């Protein structure tokens, strides 16, 4: 079969890609457990407008990405967080990242910086998308092990990581994948202009490759910017 491949086209396997990220699988695959919040999410009451908007987002494949904004003063778990949980338990393929539920950083480590948490989020989304790749992948994209091995490093170039995220999503065997990112306020540091540029670039990139639900407790400058530019819609809970 390899003789029939056009120039630049190569055969890769999902198993081979998984082996490339084996060193970080324990850290990034299915680490964040939201099961304890599912019952709370099923009981929470949203206004008719909010409930209808969230349900429409879940069921309509062509819908825009959505920002669910809750109160900045709510205790854990917040209404916005429970809204994100309700999105992930729907019968639609959804990958997620919950900022408040802990990351791949050891508990002995100091609180991660916004930059570290942003990279942690990108790595986790990549790992989850790897598991929905086809068994065999014929592509001109670079899926060499060296490209995935950068994920093992604590410092990863944001642009390189986003390029890998984009390629893995485009190669998925599923045409429609939803994404839920909860607690975006934890990712924002308005004192760091360079980080804010990377955060804006990352969230915009994610909306381009997946229908995404962002949630936050309170105002988030980057999401407000995406709202004003028409990249996301907003509902308050």
Protein backbone atom coordinates (compact mmCIF):
# COMPACT_ATOMS: atom_id res chain seq x y z
CA UNK A 1 0.00 0.00 0.00
CA UNK A 2 2.85 2.39 0.74
CA UNK A 3 3.78 2.34 -2.95
CA UNK A 4 0.43 3.94 -3.76
CA UNK A 5 0.99 6.92 -1.54
CA UNK A 6 1.50 10.27 -3.21
CA UNK A 7 4.66 12.23 -2.53
CA UNK A 8 4.71 13.51 1.04
CA UNK A 9 1.83 11.29 2.15
CA UNK A 10 2.66 8.98 5.04
CA UNK A 11 0.90 6.32 7.09
CA UNK A 12 0.69 6.82 10.85
CA UNK A 13 -1.23 4.90 13.49
CA UNK A 14 -3.09 6.07 16.55
CA UNK A 15 -1.12 3.54 18.59
CA UNK A 16 2.13 5.05 17.40
CA UNK A 17 1.01 8.54 18.37
CA UNK A 18 -0.11 7.30 21.80
CA UNK A 19 3.30 5.73 22.36
CA UNK A 20 4.88 9.10 21.61
CA UNK A 21 2.97 10.71 24.48
CA UNK A 22 3.23 7.80 26.93
CA UNK A 23 5.44 9.77 29.38
CA UNK A 24 2.64 12.25 30.06
CA UNK A 25 -0.46 10.05 29.78
CA UNK A 26 -0.68 9.61 33.54
CA UNK A 27 -0.66 13.36 33.98
CA UNK A 28 -2.97 14.48 31.21
CA UNK A 29 -5.50 11.81 30.36
CA UNK A 30 -8.75 11.80 32.33
CA UNK A 31 -7.18 13.40 35.39
CA UNK A 32 -9.96 15.83 36.17
CA UNK A 33 -12.94 14.01 37.66
CA UNK A 34 -16.25 15.87 37.47
CA UNK A 35 -18.48 12.90 38.36
CA UNK A 36 -19.07 14.13 41.91
CA UNK A 37 -20.66 17.29 40.49
CA UNK A 38 -23.04 15.64 38.01
CA UNK A 39 -25.89 15.29 40.50
CA UNK A 40 -25.53 18.92 41.57
CA UNK A 41 -25.53 19.98 37.92
CA UNK A 42 -28.78 18.09 37.29
CA UNK A 43 -30.49 19.95 40.12
CA UNK A 44 -29.36 23.49 39.45
CA UNK A 45 -31.98 25.92 38.18
CA UNK A 46 -31.17 28.32 35.38
CA UNK A 47 -33.44 31.01 34.03
CA UNK A 48 -35.52 30.00 31.04
CA UNK A 49 -33.39 32.19 28.76
CA UNK A 50 -30.11 30.71 30.01
CA UNK A 51 -31.38 27.11 29.97
CA UNK A 52 -32.70 27.48 26.43
CA UNK A 53 -29.47 29.08 25.21
CA UNK A 54 -27.29 26.37 26.73
CA UNK A 55 -29.53 23.59 25.38
CA UNK A 56 -29.46 25.18 21.91
CA UNK A 57 -25.67 25.34 22.01
CA UNK A 58 -25.45 21.66 22.95
CA UNK A 59 -27.80 20.40 20.24
CA UNK A 60 -27.00 22.64 17.25
CA UNK A 61 -23.80 21.68 15.44
CA UNK A 62 -23.57 24.98 13.57
CA UNK A 63 -23.97 27.15 16.64
CA UNK A 64 -21.34 29.69 17.63
CA UNK A 65 -19.02 29.16 20.59
CA UNK A 66 -20.53 30.24 23.89
CA UNK A 67 -19.38 32.11 27.00
CA UNK A 68 -21.35 31.25 30.13
CA UNK A 69 -20.64 33.96 32.69
CA UNK A 70 -21.56 33.44 36.32
CA UNK A 71 -21.16 35.59 39.40
CA UNK A 72 -17.64 36.35 40.61
CA UNK A 73 -18.71 35.88 44.22
CA UNK A 74 -20.15 32.36 44.12
CA UNK A 75 -18.67 29.54 46.18
CA UNK A 76 -17.33 26.28 44.76
CA UNK A 77 -18.90 24.69 42.79
CA UNK A 78 -20.29 27.76 41.09
CA UNK A 79 -23.28 27.90 38.76
CA UNK A 80 -20.95 28.45 35.81
CA UNK A 81 -18.95 25.36 36.73
CA UNK A 82 -22.09 23.25 37.06
CA UNK A 83 -23.22 24.54 33.67
CA UNK A 84 -19.93 23.28 32.22
CA UNK A 85 -20.44 19.90 33.91
CA UNK A 86 -23.92 19.67 32.38
CA UNK A 87 -22.39 20.28 28.95
CA UNK A 88 -19.85 17.46 29.34
CA UNK A 89 -22.41 14.80 30.35
CA UNK A 90 -24.57 15.26 27.25
CA UNK A 91 -24.61 12.45 24.63
CA UNK A 92 -22.20 14.35 22.38
CA UNK A 93 -18.46 13.91 22.16
CA UNK A 94 -17.00 16.62 24.39
CA UNK A 95 -13.47 17.18 25.58
CA UNK A 96 -12.96 19.45 28.54
CA UNK A 97 -10.59 21.32 30.80
CA UNK A 98 -11.62 22.43 34.29
CA UNK A 99 -9.16 24.99 35.63
CA UNK A 100 -10.31 24.83 39.29
CA UNK A 101 -10.08 21.02 39.57
CA UNK A 102 -6.33 20.82 39.64
CA UNK A 103 -3.75 20.30 36.95
CA UNK A 104 -0.90 17.96 36.16
CA UNK A 105 1.31 19.84 38.59
CA UNK A 106 2.38 18.02 41.78
CA UNK A 107 0.52 19.08 44.92
CA UNK A 108 3.83 20.01 46.53
CA UNK A 109 4.47 22.62 43.83
CA UNK A 110 3.53 26.23 44.32
CA UNK A 111 0.36 27.49 42.66
CA UNK A 112 0.93 27.29 38.88
CA UNK A 113 1.24 30.52 36.97
CA UNK A 114 -1.33 31.50 34.36
CA UNK A 115 1.23 30.67 31.67
CA UNK A 116 1.81 27.19 33.10
CA UNK A 117 -1.90 26.55 33.38
CA UNK A 118 -2.48 27.65 29.78
CA UNK A 119 0.13 25.18 28.53
CA UNK A 120 -1.35 22.51 30.78
CA UNK A 121 -4.74 23.09 29.15
CA UNK A 122 -3.38 22.83 25.61
CA UNK A 123 -1.49 19.62 26.44
CA UNK A 124 -4.56 18.03 27.99
CA UNK A 125 -6.75 18.86 24.99
CA UNK A 126 -4.13 17.39 22.64
CA UNK A 127 -3.95 14.15 24.63
CA UNK A 128 -7.72 13.78 24.66
CA UNK A 129 -7.93 14.39 20.91
CA UNK A 130 -5.23 11.79 20.25
CA UNK A 131 -7.58 9.13 21.58
CA UNK A 132 -10.21 9.93 18.95
CA UNK A 133 -7.82 9.67 16.01
CA UNK A 134 -8.54 6.94 13.43
CA UNK A 135 -6.62 3.68 13.84
CA UNK A 136 -4.71 4.46 10.64
CA UNK A 137 -3.96 7.96 9.40
CA UNK A 138 -2.80 8.80 5.88
CA UNK A 139 -1.65 12.40 5.91
CA UNK A 140 0.96 14.90 4.82
CA UNK A 141 0.91 16.39 8.33
CA UNK A 142 3.98 15.84 10.47
CA UNK A 143 3.02 13.26 13.11
CA UNK A 144 6.58 12.22 13.95
CA UNK A 145 7.33 11.28 17.54
CA UNK A 146 9.63 14.30 17.90
CA UNK A 147 6.68 16.63 17.38
CA UNK A 148 4.78 15.03 20.25
CA UNK A 149 7.76 14.72 22.51
CA UNK A 150 7.80 18.49 22.98
CA UNK A 151 4.71 17.99 25.15
CA UNK A 152 6.88 16.27 27.74
CA UNK A 153 8.91 19.43 28.23
CA UNK A 154 7.67 21.89 30.88
CA UNK A 155 8.33 24.81 28.52
CA UNK A 156 6.58 24.48 25.16
CA UNK A 157 6.27 27.13 22.46
CA UNK A 158 2.61 28.14 22.37
CA UNK A 159 2.51 28.40 18.58
CA UNK A 160 4.01 24.92 18.16
CA UNK A 161 1.55 23.44 20.65
CA UNK A 162 -1.41 25.14 18.97
CA UNK A 163 -0.27 23.90 15.57
CA UNK A 164 -0.22 20.35 16.93
CA UNK A 165 -3.64 20.82 18.51
CA UNK A 166 -5.06 22.05 15.20
CA UNK A 167 -3.60 19.17 13.18
CA UNK A 168 -4.78 16.49 15.61
CA UNK A 169 -8.29 17.94 15.61
CA UNK A 170 -8.43 18.05 11.81
CA UNK A 171 -7.35 14.40 11.64
CA UNK A 172 -9.96 13.20 14.13
CA UNK A 173 -12.37 10.51 13.00
CA UNK A 174 -15.24 12.66 14.31
CA UNK A 175 -16.53 15.59 12.32
CA UNK A 176 -18.17 17.19 15.35
CA UNK A 177 -16.42 17.56 18.70
CA UNK A 178 -17.52 19.93 21.43
CA UNK A 179 -15.10 21.50 23.88
CA UNK A 180 -15.76 22.86 27.38
CA UNK A 181 -13.24 25.06 29.19
CA UNK A 182 -14.27 25.98 32.72
CA UNK A 183 -12.86 28.69 34.93
CA UNK A 184 -11.25 30.87 32.27
CA UNK A 185 -10.74 33.58 34.88
CA UNK A 186 -7.89 31.46 36.28
CA UNK A 187 -6.03 31.72 32.97
CA UNK A 188 -6.05 35.49 32.75
CA UNK A 189 -3.25 37.77 33.96
CA UNK A 190 -3.83 41.28 32.68
CA UNK A 191 -0.46 42.45 34.03
CA UNK A 192 1.34 40.23 31.49
CA UNK A 193 0.72 41.55 27.98
CA UNK A 194 2.61 38.71 26.25
CA UNK A 195 0.64 36.07 28.15
CA UNK A 196 -2.64 37.82 27.34
CA UNK A 197 -1.75 37.73 23.65
CA UNK A 198 -1.06 34.00 23.90
CA UNK A 199 -4.29 33.41 25.81
CA UNK A 200 -6.31 35.33 23.24
CA UNK A 201 -4.59 33.44 20.41
CA UNK A 202 -5.25 30.11 22.12
CA UNK A 203 -8.93 30.65 22.83
CA UNK A 204 -9.52 32.00 19.34
CA UNK A 205 -7.73 28.99 17.81
CA UNK A 206 -9.86 26.60 19.84
CA UNK A 207 -13.08 28.25 18.62
CA UNK A 208 -11.86 27.79 15.04
CA UNK A 209 -11.42 24.02 15.34
CA UNK A 210 -14.14 23.06 17.84
CA UNK A 211 -17.48 24.42 18.98
CA UNK A 212 -16.49 25.57 22.45
CA UNK A 213 -18.25 26.47 25.68
CA UNK A 214 -16.20 28.77 27.92
CA UNK A 215 -17.36 29.40 31.47
CA UNK A 216 -16.17 31.87 34.07
CA UNK A 217 -17.01 33.19 37.49
CA UNK A 218 -17.25 36.86 36.68
CA UNK A 219 -15.84 39.06 33.94
CA UNK A 220 -12.95 37.87 31.76
CA UNK A 221 -11.31 40.48 29.55
CA UNK A 222 -10.17 38.04 26.85
CA UNK A 223 -13.62 36.48 26.51
CA UNK A 224 -15.21 39.92 26.35
CA UNK A 225 -12.83 40.73 23.50
CA UNK A 226 -13.89 37.54 21.66
CA UNK A 227 -17.52 38.48 22.30
CA UNK A 228 -17.10 41.95 20.81
CA UNK A 229 -15.37 40.46 17.77
CA UNK A 230 -18.23 38.02 17.19
CA UNK A 231 -16.30 34.84 17.96
CA UNK A 232 -18.49 33.85 20.92
CA UNK A 233 -21.99 34.48 22.20
CA UNK A 234 -22.71 35.16 25.87
CA UNK A 235 -25.26 33.98 28.40
CA UNK A 236 -25.29 34.85 32.11
CA UNK A 237 -26.29 32.38 34.80
